[in-house]
PDB file of N, CA and C in Angstrom:
ATOM      1  N   MET A   1     176.935  55.480  92.289  1.00  0.00           N
ATOM      2  CA  MET A   1     175.929  56.508  92.157  1.00  0.00           C
ATOM      3  C   MET A   1     174.564  55.923  92.482  1.00  0.00           C
ATOM      4  N   ARG A   2     173.733  56.749  93.105  1.00  0.00           N
ATOM      5  CA  ARG A   2     172.411  56.311  93.522  1.00  0.00           C
ATOM      6  C   ARG A   2     171.346  57.005  92.695  1.00  0.00           C
ATOM      7  N   LEU A   3     170.154  56.416  92.695  1.00  0.00           N
ATOM      8  CA  LEU A   3     169.009  56.993  92.007  1.00  0.00           C
ATOM      9  C   LEU A   3     168.177  57.811  92.990  1.00  0.00           C
ATOM     10  N   TYR A   4     167.699  58.966  92.534  1.00  0.00           N
ATOM     11  CA  TYR A   4     166.894  59.857  93.357  1.00  0.00           C
ATOM     12  C   TYR A   4     165.696  60.354  92.564  1.00  0.00           C
ATOM     13  N   GLU A   5     164.638  60.700  93.298  1.00  0.00           N
ATOM     14  CA  GLU A   5     163.477  61.366  92.715  1.00  0.00           C
ATOM     15  C   GLU A   5     163.350  62.692  93.429  1.00  0.00           C
ATOM     16  N   SER A   6     163.297  63.766  92.672  1.00  0.00           N
ATOM     17  CA  SER A   6     163.247  65.104  93.238  1.00  0.00           C
ATOM     18  C   SER A   6     162.006  65.823  92.715  1.00  0.00           C
ATOM     19  N   VAL A   7     161.181  66.322  93.621  1.00  0.00           N
ATOM     20  CA  VAL A   7     160.000  67.110  93.250  1.00  0.00           C
ATOM     21  C   VAL A   7     160.255  68.543  93.680  1.00  0.00           C
ATOM     22  N   ILE A   8     160.012  69.467  92.761  1.00  0.00           N
ATOM     23  CA  ILE A   8     160.306  70.881  92.972  1.00  0.00           C
ATOM     24  C   ILE A   8     159.022  71.670  92.779  1.00  0.00           C
ATOM     25  N   ILE A   9     158.768  72.637  93.669  1.00  0.00           N
ATOM     26  CA  ILE A   9     157.627  73.540  93.513  1.00  0.00           C
ATOM     27  C   ILE A   9     158.182  74.947  93.350  1.00  0.00           C
ATOM     28  N   ALA A  10     157.869  75.557  92.205  1.00  0.00           N
ATOM     29  CA  ALA A  10     158.322  76.924  91.918  1.00  0.00           C
ATOM     30  C   ALA A  10     157.154  77.893  92.119  1.00  0.00           C
ATOM     31  N   ARG A  11     157.464  79.159  92.343  1.00  0.00           N
ATOM     32  CA  ARG A  11     156.446  80.189  92.565  1.00  0.00           C
ATOM     33  C   ARG A  11     155.486  80.280  91.387  1.00  0.00           C
ATOM     34  N   GLN A  12     154.253  80.699  91.677  1.00  0.00           N
ATOM     35  CA  GLN A  12     153.245  80.841  90.636  1.00  0.00           C
ATOM     36  C   GLN A  12     153.515  82.031  89.718  1.00  0.00           C
ATOM     37  N   ASP A  13     154.295  83.002  90.180  1.00  0.00           N
ATOM     38  CA  ASP A  13     154.561  84.218  89.412  1.00  0.00           C
ATOM     39  C   ASP A  13     155.483  83.991  88.225  1.00  0.00           C
ATOM     40  N   VAL A  14     156.302  82.964  88.267  1.00  0.00           N
ATOM     41  CA  VAL A  14     157.230  82.718  87.164  1.00  0.00           C
ATOM     42  C   VAL A  14     156.503  82.009  86.024  1.00  0.00           C
ATOM     43  N   SER A  15     156.961  82.240  84.811  1.00  0.00           N
ATOM     44  CA  SER A  15     156.337  81.589  83.655  1.00  0.00           C
ATOM     45  C   SER A  15     156.864  80.166  83.506  1.00  0.00           C
ATOM     46  N   SER A  16     156.172  79.378  82.708  1.00  0.00           N
ATOM     47  CA  SER A  16     156.621  77.997  82.500  1.00  0.00           C
ATOM     48  C   SER A  16     157.961  77.965  81.758  1.00  0.00           C
ATOM     49  N   ALA A  17     158.239  78.979  80.932  1.00  0.00           N
ATOM     50  CA  ALA A  17     159.538  79.056  80.254  1.00  0.00           C
ATOM     51  C   ALA A  17     160.658  79.303  81.265  1.00  0.00           C
ATOM     52  N   GLN A  18     160.379  80.130  82.265  1.00  0.00           N
ATOM     53  CA  GLN A  18     161.380  80.377  83.307  1.00  0.00           C
ATOM     54  C   GLN A  18     161.595  79.131  84.156  1.00  0.00           C
ATOM     55  N   VAL A  19     160.514  78.373  84.392  1.00  0.00           N
ATOM     56  CA  VAL A  19     160.645  77.120  85.135  1.00  0.00           C
ATOM     57  C   VAL A  19     161.532  76.158  84.358  1.00  0.00           C
ATOM     58  N   ASP A  20     161.312  76.075  83.036  1.00  0.00           N
ATOM     59  CA  ASP A  20     162.140  75.213  82.198  1.00  0.00           C
ATOM     60  C   ASP A  20     163.611  75.605  82.267  1.00  0.00           C
ATOM     61  N   SER A  21     163.896  76.909  82.261  1.00  0.00           N
ATOM     62  CA  SER A  21     165.301  77.347  82.322  1.00  0.00           C
ATOM     63  C   SER A  21     165.907  77.038  83.692  1.00  0.00           C
ATOM     64  N   MET A  22     165.112  77.155  84.771  1.00  0.00           N
ATOM     65  CA  MET A  22     165.626  76.797  86.099  1.00  0.00           C
ATOM     66  C   MET A  22     165.935  75.302  86.169  1.00  0.00           C
ATOM     67  N   ILE A  23     165.046  74.484  85.611  1.00  0.00           N
ATOM     68  CA  ILE A  23     165.254  73.037  85.629  1.00  0.00           C
ATOM     69  C   ILE A  23     166.479  72.678  84.789  1.00  0.00           C
ATOM     70  N   ALA A  24     166.683  73.374  83.677  1.00  0.00           N
ATOM     71  CA  ALA A  24     167.873  73.139  82.863  1.00  0.00           C
ATOM     72  C   ALA A  24     169.138  73.494  83.658  1.00  0.00           C
ATOM     73  N   GLU A  25     169.071  74.554  84.442  1.00  0.00           N
ATOM     74  CA  GLU A  25     170.203  74.956  85.282  1.00  0.00           C
ATOM     75  C   GLU A  25     170.492  73.897  86.356  1.00  0.00           C
ATOM     76  N   PHE A  26     169.435  73.400  87.000  1.00  0.00           N
ATOM     77  CA  PHE A  26     169.606  72.360  88.022  1.00  0.00           C
ATOM     78  C   PHE A  26     170.105  71.053  87.400  1.00  0.00           C
ATOM     79  N   SER A  27     169.611  70.730  86.213  1.00  0.00           N
ATOM     80  CA  SER A  27     170.055  69.516  85.519  1.00  0.00           C
ATOM     81  C   SER A  27     171.527  69.618  85.151  1.00  0.00           C
ATOM     82  N   ALA A  28     171.961  70.818  84.777  1.00  0.00           N
ATOM     83  CA  ALA A  28     173.371  71.018  84.424  1.00  0.00           C
ATOM     84  C   ALA A  28     174.275  70.766  85.629  1.00  0.00           C
ATOM     85  N   ILE A  29     173.810  71.110  86.824  1.00  0.00           N
ATOM     86  CA  ILE A  29     174.606  70.859  88.038  1.00  0.00           C
ATOM     87  C   ILE A  29     174.832  69.358  88.199  1.00  0.00           C
ATOM     88  N   ILE A  30     173.767  68.583  88.011  1.00  0.00           N
ATOM     89  CA  ILE A  30     173.867  67.128  88.148  1.00  0.00           C
ATOM     90  C   ILE A  30     174.778  66.555  87.069  1.00  0.00           C
ATOM     91  N   GLU A  31     174.584  66.985  85.818  1.00  0.00           N
ATOM     92  CA  GLU A  31     175.361  66.438  84.705  1.00  0.00           C
ATOM     93  C   GLU A  31     176.831  66.847  84.787  1.00  0.00           C
ATOM     94  N   ASN A  32     177.112  68.066  85.250  1.00  0.00           N
ATOM     95  CA  ASN A  32     178.509  68.499  85.412  1.00  0.00           C
ATOM     96  C   ASN A  32     179.210  67.735  86.519  1.00  0.00           C
ATOM     97  N   GLY A  33     178.446  67.224  87.473  1.00  0.00           N
ATOM     98  CA  GLY A  33     179.013  66.426  88.549  1.00  0.00           C
ATOM     99  C   GLY A  33     179.138  64.958  88.204  1.00  0.00           C
ATOM    100  N   GLY A  34     178.862  64.609  86.950  1.00  0.00           N
ATOM    101  CA  GLY A  34     178.984  63.217  86.520  1.00  0.00           C
ATOM    102  C   GLY A  34     177.699  62.419  86.637  1.00  0.00           C
ATOM    103  N   GLY A  35     176.605  63.064  86.989  1.00  0.00           N
ATOM    104  CA  GLY A  35     175.325  62.385  87.128  1.00  0.00           C
ATOM    105  C   GLY A  35     174.541  62.366  85.829  1.00  0.00           C
ATOM    106  N   LYS A  36     173.320  61.888  85.924  1.00  0.00           N
ATOM    107  CA  LYS A  36     172.474  61.759  84.738  1.00  0.00           C
ATOM    108  C   LYS A  36     171.023  62.011  85.125  1.00  0.00           C
ATOM    109  N   ILE A  37     170.284  62.725  84.266  1.00  0.00           N
ATOM    110  CA  ILE A  37     168.851  62.944  84.452  1.00  0.00           C
ATOM    111  C   ILE A  37     168.129  61.861  83.646  1.00  0.00           C
ATOM    112  N   HIS A  38     167.381  60.997  84.336  1.00  0.00           N
ATOM    113  CA  HIS A  38     166.666  59.918  83.659  1.00  0.00           C
ATOM    114  C   HIS A  38     165.297  60.358  83.161  1.00  0.00           C
ATOM    115  N   LYS A  39     164.617  61.198  83.924  1.00  0.00           N
ATOM    116  CA  LYS A  39     163.273  61.622  83.528  1.00  0.00           C
ATOM    117  C   LYS A  39     163.014  63.020  84.075  1.00  0.00           C
ATOM    118  N   ASN A  40     162.312  63.828  83.272  1.00  0.00           N
ATOM    119  CA  ASN A  40     161.950  65.191  83.638  1.00  0.00           C
ATOM    120  C   ASN A  40     160.472  65.368  83.296  1.00  0.00           C
ATOM    121  N   GLU A  41     159.620  65.579  84.291  1.00  0.00           N
ATOM    122  CA  GLU A  41     158.187  65.765  84.052  1.00  0.00           C
ATOM    123  C   GLU A  41     157.728  67.084  84.643  1.00  0.00           C
ATOM    124  N   TYR A  42     157.053  67.886  83.815  1.00  0.00           N
ATOM    125  CA  TYR A  42     156.440  69.131  84.276  1.00  0.00           C
ATOM    126  C   TYR A  42     154.980  68.816  84.563  1.00  0.00           C
ATOM    127  N   TRP A  43     154.579  68.907  85.831  1.00  0.00           N
ATOM    128  CA  TRP A  43     153.220  68.553  86.226  1.00  0.00           C
ATOM    129  C   TRP A  43     152.249  69.713  86.097  1.00  0.00           C
ATOM    130  N   GLY A  44     152.746  70.911  85.864  1.00  0.00           N
ATOM    131  CA  GLY A  44     151.878  72.059  85.643  1.00  0.00           C
ATOM    132  C   GLY A  44     151.717  72.935  86.869  1.00  0.00           C
ATOM    133  N   LEU A  45     150.878  73.954  86.696  1.00  0.00           N
ATOM    134  CA  LEU A  45     150.560  74.888  87.770  1.00  0.00           C
ATOM    135  C   LEU A  45     149.406  74.290  88.571  1.00  0.00           C
ATOM    136  N   ARG A  46     149.658  73.973  89.828  1.00  0.00           N
ATOM    137  CA  ARG A  46     148.671  73.289  90.660  1.00  0.00           C
ATOM    138  C   ARG A  46     148.452  74.069  91.947  1.00  0.00           C
ATOM    139  N   SER A  47     147.275  73.908  92.523  1.00  0.00           N
ATOM    140  CA  SER A  47     146.965  74.550  93.799  1.00  0.00           C
ATOM    141  C   SER A  47     147.723  73.869  94.933  1.00  0.00           C
ATOM    142  N   LEU A  48     148.166  74.678  95.873  1.00  0.00           N
ATOM    143  CA  LEU A  48     148.843  74.157  97.048  1.00  0.00           C
ATOM    144  C   LEU A  48     147.808  73.848  98.130  1.00  0.00           C
ATOM    145  N   ALA A  49     148.115  72.934  99.010  1.00  0.00           N
ATOM    146  CA  ALA A  49     147.203  72.590 100.104  1.00  0.00           C
ATOM    147  C   ALA A  49     147.092  73.750 101.097  1.00  0.00           C
ATOM    148  N   TYR A  50     148.154  74.525 101.243  1.00  0.00           N
ATOM    149  CA  TYR A  50     148.159  75.680 102.129  1.00  0.00           C
ATOM    150  C   TYR A  50     149.139  76.696 101.557  1.00  0.00           C
ATOM    151  N   ARG A  51     149.014  77.933 101.988  1.00  0.00           N
ATOM    152  CA  ARG A  51     149.886  78.990 101.480  1.00  0.00           C
ATOM    153  C   ARG A  51     151.330  78.746 101.882  1.00  0.00           C
ATOM    154  N   ILE A  52     152.221  78.957 100.922  1.00  0.00           N
ATOM    155  CA  ILE A  52     153.655  78.907 101.181  1.00  0.00           C
ATOM    156  C   ILE A  52     154.241  80.221 100.679  1.00  0.00           C
ATOM    157  N   LYS A  53     154.789  81.008 101.586  1.00  0.00           N
ATOM    158  CA  LYS A  53     155.367  82.312 101.244  1.00  0.00           C
ATOM    159  C   LYS A  53     154.395  83.154 100.420  1.00  0.00           C
ATOM    160  N   LYS A  54     153.138  83.207 100.854  1.00  0.00           N
ATOM    161  CA  LYS A  54     152.057  83.992 100.244  1.00  0.00           C
ATOM    162  C   LYS A  54     151.646  83.487  98.863  1.00  0.00           C
ATOM    163  N   ASN A  55     151.975  82.271  98.500  1.00  0.00           N
ATOM    164  CA  ASN A  55     151.584  81.695  97.220  1.00  0.00           C
ATOM    165  C   ASN A  55     150.511  80.645  97.440  1.00  0.00           C
ATOM    166  N   ARG A  56     149.498  80.652  96.583  1.00  0.00           N
ATOM    167  CA  ARG A  56     148.423  79.666  96.653  1.00  0.00           C
ATOM    168  C   ARG A  56     148.581  78.573  95.597  1.00  0.00           C
ATOM    169  N   LYS A  57     149.419  78.827  94.607  1.00  0.00           N
ATOM    170  CA  LYS A  57     149.669  77.863  93.531  1.00  0.00           C
ATOM    171  C   LYS A  57     151.163  77.733  93.314  1.00  0.00           C
ATOM    172  N   GLY A  58     151.557  76.678  92.592  1.00  0.00           N
ATOM    173  CA  GLY A  58     152.961  76.489  92.305  1.00  0.00           C
ATOM    174  C   GLY A  58     153.153  75.619  91.075  1.00  0.00           C
ATOM    175  N   HIS A  59     154.266  75.813  90.398  1.00  0.00           N
ATOM    176  CA  HIS A  59     154.656  74.985  89.260  1.00  0.00           C
ATOM    177  C   HIS A  59     155.364  73.746  89.813  1.00  0.00           C
ATOM    178  N   TYR A  60     154.834  72.573  89.510  1.00  0.00           N
ATOM    179  CA  TYR A  60     155.415  71.319  90.007  1.00  0.00           C
ATOM    180  C   TYR A  60     156.257  70.671  88.914  1.00  0.00           C
ATOM    181  N   VAL A  61     157.452  70.210  89.274  1.00  0.00           N
ATOM    182  CA  VAL A  61     158.347  69.508  88.359  1.00  0.00           C
ATOM    183  C   VAL A  61     158.935  68.308  89.101  1.00  0.00           C
ATOM    184  N   MET A  62     159.001  67.163  88.407  1.00  0.00           N
ATOM    185  CA  MET A  62     159.604  65.977  89.005  1.00  0.00           C
ATOM    186  C   MET A  62     160.793  65.551  88.148  1.00  0.00           C
ATOM    187  N   LEU A  63     161.930  65.290  88.804  1.00  0.00           N
ATOM    188  CA  LEU A  63     163.130  64.815  88.133  1.00  0.00           C
ATOM    189  C   LEU A  63     163.531  63.473  88.717  1.00  0.00           C
ATOM    190  N   ASN A  64     163.833  62.516  87.870  1.00  0.00           N
ATOM    191  CA  ASN A  64     164.478  61.274  88.298  1.00  0.00           C
ATOM    192  C   ASN A  64     165.924  61.396  87.873  1.00  0.00           C
ATOM    193  N   LEU A  65     166.835  61.282  88.828  1.00  0.00           N
ATOM    194  CA  LEU A  65     168.233  61.520  88.518  1.00  0.00           C
ATOM    195  C   LEU A  65     169.124  60.487  89.180  1.00  0.00           C
ATOM    196  N   GLU A  66     170.322  60.390  88.636  1.00  0.00           N
ATOM    197  CA  GLU A  66     171.350  59.507  89.176  1.00  0.00           C
ATOM    198  C   GLU A  66     172.549  60.379  89.501  1.00  0.00           C
ATOM    199  N   SER A  67     173.007  60.315  90.757  1.00  0.00           N
ATOM    200  CA  SER A  67     174.071  61.219  91.182  1.00  0.00           C
ATOM    201  C   SER A  67     174.787  60.666  92.406  1.00  0.00           C
ATOM    202  N   ASP A  68     175.962  61.219  92.675  1.00  0.00           N
ATOM    203  CA  ASP A  68     176.633  60.895  93.926  1.00  0.00           C
ATOM    204  C   ASP A  68     176.187  61.907  94.985  1.00  0.00           C
ATOM    205  N   SER A  69     176.527  61.654  96.224  1.00  0.00           N
ATOM    206  CA  SER A  69     176.010  62.475  97.322  1.00  0.00           C
ATOM    207  C   SER A  69     176.559  63.905  97.302  1.00  0.00           C
ATOM    208  N   GLU A  70     177.805  64.087  96.896  1.00  0.00           N
ATOM    209  CA  GLU A  70     178.382  65.431  96.875  1.00  0.00           C
ATOM    210  C   GLU A  70     177.679  66.319  95.856  1.00  0.00           C
ATOM    211  N   THR A  71     177.424  65.778  94.674  1.00  0.00           N
ATOM    212  CA  THR A  71     176.730  66.539  93.636  1.00  0.00           C
ATOM    213  C   THR A  71     175.300  66.829  94.060  1.00  0.00           C
ATOM    214  N   LEU A  72     174.650  65.861  94.694  1.00  0.00           N
ATOM    215  CA  LEU A  72     173.278  66.057  95.168  1.00  0.00           C
ATOM    216  C   LEU A  72     173.218  67.152  96.232  1.00  0.00           C
ATOM    217  N   ASN A  73     174.187  67.204  97.109  1.00  0.00           N
ATOM    218  CA  ASN A  73     174.227  68.267  98.124  1.00  0.00           C
ATOM    219  C   ASN A  73     174.358  69.643  97.482  1.00  0.00           C
ATOM    220  N   GLU A  74     175.195  69.749  96.449  1.00  0.00           N
ATOM    221  CA  GLU A  74     175.353  71.022  95.739  1.00  0.00           C
ATOM    222  C   GLU A  74     174.057  71.407  95.023  1.00  0.00           C
ATOM    223  N   TYR A  75     173.405  70.430  94.399  1.00  0.00           N
ATOM    224  CA  TYR A  75     172.120  70.624  93.711  1.00  0.00           C
ATOM    225  C   TYR A  75     171.077  71.165  94.697  1.00  0.00           C
ATOM    226  N   GLU A  76     170.979  70.565  95.872  1.00  0.00           N
ATOM    227  CA  GLU A  76     170.012  71.011  96.868  1.00  0.00           C
ATOM    228  C   GLU A  76     170.389  72.365  97.456  1.00  0.00           C
ATOM    229  N   ARG A  77     171.673  72.643  97.584  1.00  0.00           N
ATOM    230  CA  ARG A  77     172.126  73.935  98.098  1.00  0.00           C
ATOM    231  C   ARG A  77     171.719  75.057  97.160  1.00  0.00           C
ATOM    232  N   ILE A  78     171.935  74.839  95.858  1.00  0.00           N
ATOM    233  CA  ILE A  78     171.581  75.849  94.859  1.00  0.00           C
ATOM    234  C   ILE A  78     170.068  76.063  94.821  1.00  0.00           C
ATOM    235  N   MET A  79     169.299  74.983  94.944  1.00  0.00           N
ATOM    236  CA  MET A  79     167.837  75.133  94.959  1.00  0.00           C
ATOM    237  C   MET A  79     167.386  75.915  96.188  1.00  0.00           C
ATOM    238  N   GLY A  80     168.014  75.684  97.321  1.00  0.00           N
ATOM    239  CA  GLY A  80     167.662  76.402  98.537  1.00  0.00           C
ATOM    240  C   GLY A  80     167.950  77.889  98.451  1.00  0.00           C
ATOM    241  N   LEU A  81     168.922  78.278  97.649  1.00  0.00           N
ATOM    242  CA  LEU A  81     169.272  79.687  97.480  1.00  0.00           C
ATOM    243  C   LEU A  81     168.386  80.401  96.459  1.00  0.00           C
ATOM    244  N   ASN A  82     167.722  79.660  95.606  1.00  0.00           N
ATOM    245  CA  ASN A  82     166.896  80.243  94.559  1.00  0.00           C
ATOM    246  C   ASN A  82     165.586  80.776  95.156  1.00  0.00           C
ATOM    247  N   GLU A  83     165.294  82.039  94.931  1.00  0.00           N
ATOM    248  CA  GLU A  83     164.096  82.671  95.483  1.00  0.00           C
ATOM    249  C   GLU A  83     162.808  82.152  94.852  1.00  0.00           C
ATOM    250  N   ASP A  84     162.886  81.640  93.635  1.00  0.00           N
ATOM    251  CA  ASP A  84     161.696  81.188  92.925  1.00  0.00           C
ATOM    252  C   ASP A  84     161.263  79.783  93.326  1.00  0.00           C
ATOM    253  N   ILE A  85     162.072  79.070  94.084  1.00  0.00           N
ATOM    254  CA  ILE A  85     161.724  77.716  94.527  1.00  0.00           C
ATOM    255  C   ILE A  85     161.051  77.818  95.899  1.00  0.00           C
ATOM    256  N   LEU A  86     159.794  77.356  95.979  1.00  0.00           N
ATOM    257  CA  LEU A  86     159.071  77.370  97.249  1.00  0.00           C
ATOM    258  C   LEU A  86     159.476  76.192  98.125  1.00  0.00           C
ATOM    259  N   ARG A  87     159.445  75.002  97.551  1.00  0.00           N
ATOM    260  CA  ARG A  87     159.787  73.776  98.279  1.00  0.00           C
ATOM    261  C   ARG A  87     160.434  72.793  97.306  1.00  0.00           C
ATOM    262  N   PHE A  88     161.220  71.880  97.860  1.00  0.00           N
ATOM    263  CA  PHE A  88     161.736  70.759  97.076  1.00  0.00           C
ATOM    264  C   PHE A  88     161.941  69.588  98.018  1.00  0.00           C
ATOM    265  N   MET A  89     161.849  68.410  97.469  1.00  0.00           N
ATOM    266  CA  MET A  89     162.083  67.211  98.258  1.00  0.00           C
ATOM    267  C   MET A  89     162.761  66.185  97.372  1.00  0.00           C
ATOM    268  N   THR A  90     163.837  65.612  97.853  1.00  0.00           N
ATOM    269  CA  THR A  90     164.581  64.600  97.117  1.00  0.00           C
ATOM    270  C   THR A  90     164.625  63.340  97.965  1.00  0.00           C
ATOM    271  N   VAL A  91     164.199  62.231  97.359  1.00  0.00           N
ATOM    272  CA  VAL A  91     164.208  60.944  98.055  1.00  0.00           C
ATOM    273  C   VAL A  91     164.971  59.929  97.216  1.00  0.00           C
ATOM    274  N   SER A  92     165.563  58.966  97.877  1.00  0.00           N
ATOM    275  CA  SER A  92     166.284  57.892  97.204  1.00  0.00           C
ATOM    276  C   SER A  92     165.280  56.850  96.715  1.00  0.00           C
ATOM    277  N   ILE A  93     165.498  56.321  95.506  1.00  0.00           N
ATOM    278  CA  ILE A  93     164.622  55.295  94.951  1.00  0.00           C
ATOM    279  C   ILE A  93     165.462  54.102  94.511  1.00  0.00           C
ATOM    280  N   ASP A  94     164.809  52.948  94.355  1.00  0.00           N
ATOM    281  CA  ASP A  94     165.512  51.736  93.936  1.00  0.00           C
ATOM    282  C   ASP A  94     165.675  51.662  92.434  1.00  0.00           C
ATOM    283  N   GLU A  95     164.630  52.082  91.688  1.00  0.00           N
ATOM    284  CA  GLU A  95     164.702  52.050  90.224  1.00  0.00           C
ATOM    285  C   GLU A  95     163.833  53.150  89.652  1.00  0.00           C
ATOM    286  N   VAL A  96     164.134  53.533  88.416  1.00  0.00           N
ATOM    287  CA  VAL A  96     163.377  54.575  87.734  1.00  0.00           C
ATOM    288  C   VAL A  96     162.227  53.914  86.978  1.00  0.00           C
ATOM    289  N   ASP A  97     161.022  54.407  87.212  1.00  0.00           N
ATOM    290  CA  ASP A  97     159.854  53.917  86.489  1.00  0.00           C
ATOM    291  C   ASP A  97     159.849  54.567  85.107  1.00  0.00           C
ATOM    292  N   GLU A  98     159.927  53.764  84.059  1.00  0.00           N
ATOM    293  CA  GLU A  98     160.054  54.293  82.703  1.00  0.00           C
ATOM    294  C   GLU A  98     158.770  54.941  82.195  1.00  0.00           C
ATOM    295  N   GLY A  99     157.612  54.500  82.678  1.00  0.00           N
ATOM    296  CA  GLY A  99     156.343  55.065  82.242  1.00  0.00           C
ATOM    297  C   GLY A  99     156.092  56.415  82.878  1.00  0.00           C
ATOM    298  N   PRO A 100     154.977  57.049  82.505  1.00  0.00           N
ATOM    299  CA  PRO A 100     154.642  58.333  83.119  1.00  0.00           C
ATOM    300  C   PRO A 100     154.282  58.146  84.591  1.00  0.00           C
ATOM    301  N   SER A 101     154.554  59.155  85.385  1.00  0.00           N
ATOM    302  CA  SER A 101     154.227  59.088  86.809  1.00  0.00           C
ATOM    303  C   SER A 101     152.711  59.129  86.978  1.00  0.00           C
ATOM    304  N   ILE A 102     152.248  58.858  88.167  1.00  0.00           N
ATOM    305  CA  ILE A 102     150.818  58.827  88.439  1.00  0.00           C
ATOM    306  C   ILE A 102     150.182  60.200  88.199  1.00  0.00           C
ATOM    307  N   MET A 103     150.945  61.275  88.373  1.00  0.00           N
ATOM    308  CA  MET A 103     150.423  62.622  88.147  1.00  0.00           C
ATOM    309  C   MET A 103     150.213  62.911  86.657  1.00  0.00           C
ATOM    310  N   MET A 104     150.944  62.230  85.788  1.00  0.00           N
ATOM    311  CA  MET A 104     150.855  62.484  84.359  1.00  0.00           C
ATOM    312  C   MET A 104     149.852  61.561  83.651  1.00  0.00           C
ATOM    313  N   GLN A 105     149.406  60.532  84.312  1.00  0.00           N
ATOM    314  CA  GLN A 105     148.471  59.605  83.684  1.00  0.00           C
ATOM    315  C   GLN A 105     147.095  60.255  83.588  1.00  0.00           C
ATOM    316  N   ALA A 106     146.380  59.907  82.525  1.00  0.00           N
ATOM    317  CA  ALA A 106     145.013  60.396  82.362  1.00  0.00           C
ATOM    318  C   ALA A 106     144.142  59.767  83.438  1.00  0.00           C
ATOM    319  N   LYS A 107     143.048  60.426  83.783  1.00  0.00           N
ATOM    320  CA  LYS A 107     142.188  59.899  84.844  1.00  0.00           C
ATOM    321  C   LYS A 107     141.650  58.520  84.511  1.00  0.00           C
ATOM    322  N   SER A 108     141.419  58.244  83.258  1.00  0.00           N
ATOM    323  CA  SER A 108     140.896  56.930  82.885  1.00  0.00           C
ATOM    324  C   SER A 108     141.938  55.836  83.052  1.00  0.00           C
ATOM    325  N   GLU A 109     143.222  56.187  82.976  1.00  0.00           N
ATOM    326  CA  GLU A 109     144.293  55.201  83.111  1.00  0.00           C
ATOM    327  C   GLU A 109     144.627  54.904  84.563  1.00  0.00           C
ATOM    328  N   LYS A 110     144.297  55.824  85.484  1.00  0.00           N
ATOM    329  CA  LYS A 110     144.647  55.638  86.882  1.00  0.00           C
ATOM    330  C   LYS A 110     143.842  54.487  87.470  1.00  0.00           C
ATOM    331  N   PRO A 111     144.444  53.707  88.338  1.00  0.00           N
ATOM    332  CA  PRO A 111     143.688  52.637  88.996  1.00  0.00           C
ATOM    333  C   PRO A 111     142.601  53.242  89.872  1.00  0.00           C
ATOM    334  N   GLN A 112     141.429  52.633  89.864  1.00  0.00           N
ATOM    335  CA  GLN A 112     140.311  53.128  90.655  1.00  0.00           C
ATOM    336  C   GLN A 112     140.553  52.867  92.128  1.00  0.00           C
ATOM    337  N   ARG A 113     140.082  53.765  92.958  1.00  0.00           N
ATOM    338  CA  ARG A 113     140.208  53.591  94.399  1.00  0.00           C
ATOM    339  C   ARG A 113     139.203  52.553  94.851  1.00  0.00           C
ATOM    340  N   GLY A 114     139.512  51.832  95.882  1.00  0.00           N
ATOM    341  CA  GLY A 114     138.679  50.753  96.368  1.00  0.00           C
ATOM    342  C   GLY A 114     137.291  51.182  96.792  1.00  0.00           C
ATOM    343  N   ARG A 115     137.127  52.405  97.243  1.00  0.00           N
ATOM    344  CA  ARG A 115     135.853  52.858  97.779  1.00  0.00           C
ATOM    345  C   ARG A 115     134.749  52.831  96.730  1.00  0.00           C
ATOM    346  N   GLY A 116     135.024  53.337  95.529  1.00  0.00           N
ATOM    347  CA  GLY A 116     134.012  53.375  94.473  1.00  0.00           C
ATOM    348  C   GLY A 116     133.618  51.986  94.011  1.00  0.00           C
ATOM    349  N   GLN A 117     134.577  51.101  93.899  1.00  0.00           N
ATOM    350  CA  GLN A 117     134.286  49.746  93.448  1.00  0.00           C
ATOM    351  C   GLN A 117     133.510  48.980  94.504  1.00  0.00           C
ATOM    352  N   ASP A 118     133.851  49.159  95.768  1.00  0.00           N
ATOM    353  CA  ASP A 118     133.154  48.451  96.835  1.00  0.00           C
ATOM    354  C   ASP A 118     131.703  48.898  96.922  1.00  0.00           C
ATOM    355  N   ALA A 119     131.472  50.192  96.715  1.00  0.00           N
ATOM    356  CA  ALA A 119     130.110  50.701  96.795  1.00  0.00           C
ATOM    357  C   ALA A 119     129.260  50.110  95.676  1.00  0.00           C
ATOM    358  N   ASP A 120     129.834  49.977  94.468  1.00  0.00           N
ATOM    359  CA  ASP A 120     129.080  49.397  93.355  1.00  0.00           C
ATOM    360  C   ASP A 120     128.781  47.933  93.600  1.00  0.00           C
ATOM    361  N   SER A 121     129.764  47.181  94.051  1.00  0.00           N
ATOM    362  CA  SER A 121     129.549  45.754  94.267  1.00  0.00           C
ATOM    363  C   SER A 121     128.611  45.515  95.443  1.00  0.00           C
ATOM    364  N   ALA A 122     128.654  46.385  96.467  1.00  0.00           N
ATOM    365  CA  ALA A 122     127.751  46.232  97.600  1.00  0.00           C
ATOM    366  C   ALA A 122     126.314  46.505  97.170  1.00  0.00           C
ATOM    367  N   GLY A 123     126.146  47.471  96.260  1.00  0.00           N
ATOM    368  CA  GLY A 123     124.802  47.766  95.747  1.00  0.00           C
ATOM    369  C   GLY A 123     124.257  46.600  94.946  1.00  0.00           C
ATOM    370  N   ASP A 124     125.121  45.903  94.213  1.00  0.00           N
ATOM    371  CA  ASP A 124     124.684  44.752  93.421  1.00  0.00           C
ATOM    372  C   ASP A 124     124.241  43.616  94.331  1.00  0.00           C
ATOM    373  N   GLN A 125     124.907  43.450  95.461  1.00  0.00           N
ATOM    374  CA  GLN A 125     124.549  42.369  96.368  1.00  0.00           C
ATOM    375  C   GLN A 125     123.192  42.623  97.013  1.00  0.00           C
ATOM    376  N   ASP A 126     122.865  43.886  97.270  1.00  0.00           N
ATOM    377  CA  ASP A 126     121.584  44.208  97.880  1.00  0.00           C
ATOM    378  C   ASP A 126     120.412  43.908  96.935  1.00  0.00           C
ATOM    379  N   LYS A 127     120.674  44.023  95.626  1.00  0.00           N
ATOM    380  CA  LYS A 127     119.629  43.784  94.634  1.00  0.00           C
ATOM    381  C   LYS A 127     119.288  42.314  94.501  1.00  0.00           C
ATOM    382  N   GLU A 128     120.211  41.446  94.840  1.00  0.00           N
ATOM    383  CA  GLU A 128     119.992  40.007  94.647  1.00  0.00           C
ATOM    384  C   GLU A 128     119.080  39.413  95.645  1.00  0.00           C
TER     385      GLU A 128
END
């Protein structure tokens, strides 16, 4: 069995409770096929970069799962048939990160981008 990370975007019209029930349904497909869900993160209702099927926002959910290829194909087939799912993407990973994903970390915990730090240090050098 291999490890996968799956990100799902659901329509903005559905409630978060309905999103939870859909994720429980998708998780059951994996577990019934002998797989395991390692992590389930609800990232919230977020704006999309561009409209998808007339939606400007979507409910984002990330699952880290362990499954064989046949079960994963069935999982993706069922998601493709669901009208409430706008997009999904599943990629293979080497290991599951036990901590929260970068989307769930507080802004203060996220590593700073190089641009802001370089600008501060460059300003300090000009003062010397």
